């Protein structure tokens, strides 16, 4: 069985190929759909592996103001290391 994710512009975004003798993970299919929707809806956002709604998202191209913002208390942005910038989603985005 094959699963295709095709966006509004008829662009294939993801393909899963499952041999007939292998079960399918509906949770992973749903997670992929939600992650693609999140990446499409929010500018400059990527979802890391095993991402679920409400988890921090990756910022692939941080703006010059983000490092300054990371120094403030309760900042939306944080880094695990110099090349991985993340953002907590504002509470209003989680509804």
Foldseek 3Di string as FASTA:
>chain_A
DKDWDADPVRDTDDMDDDPPVDDDDVVVVVQVVVQVVVPVVDDQWHADPPDDQQDKTWRQDDDPCVVVQQPDPPRQWDDPDDRTIIGGDPPVVRD
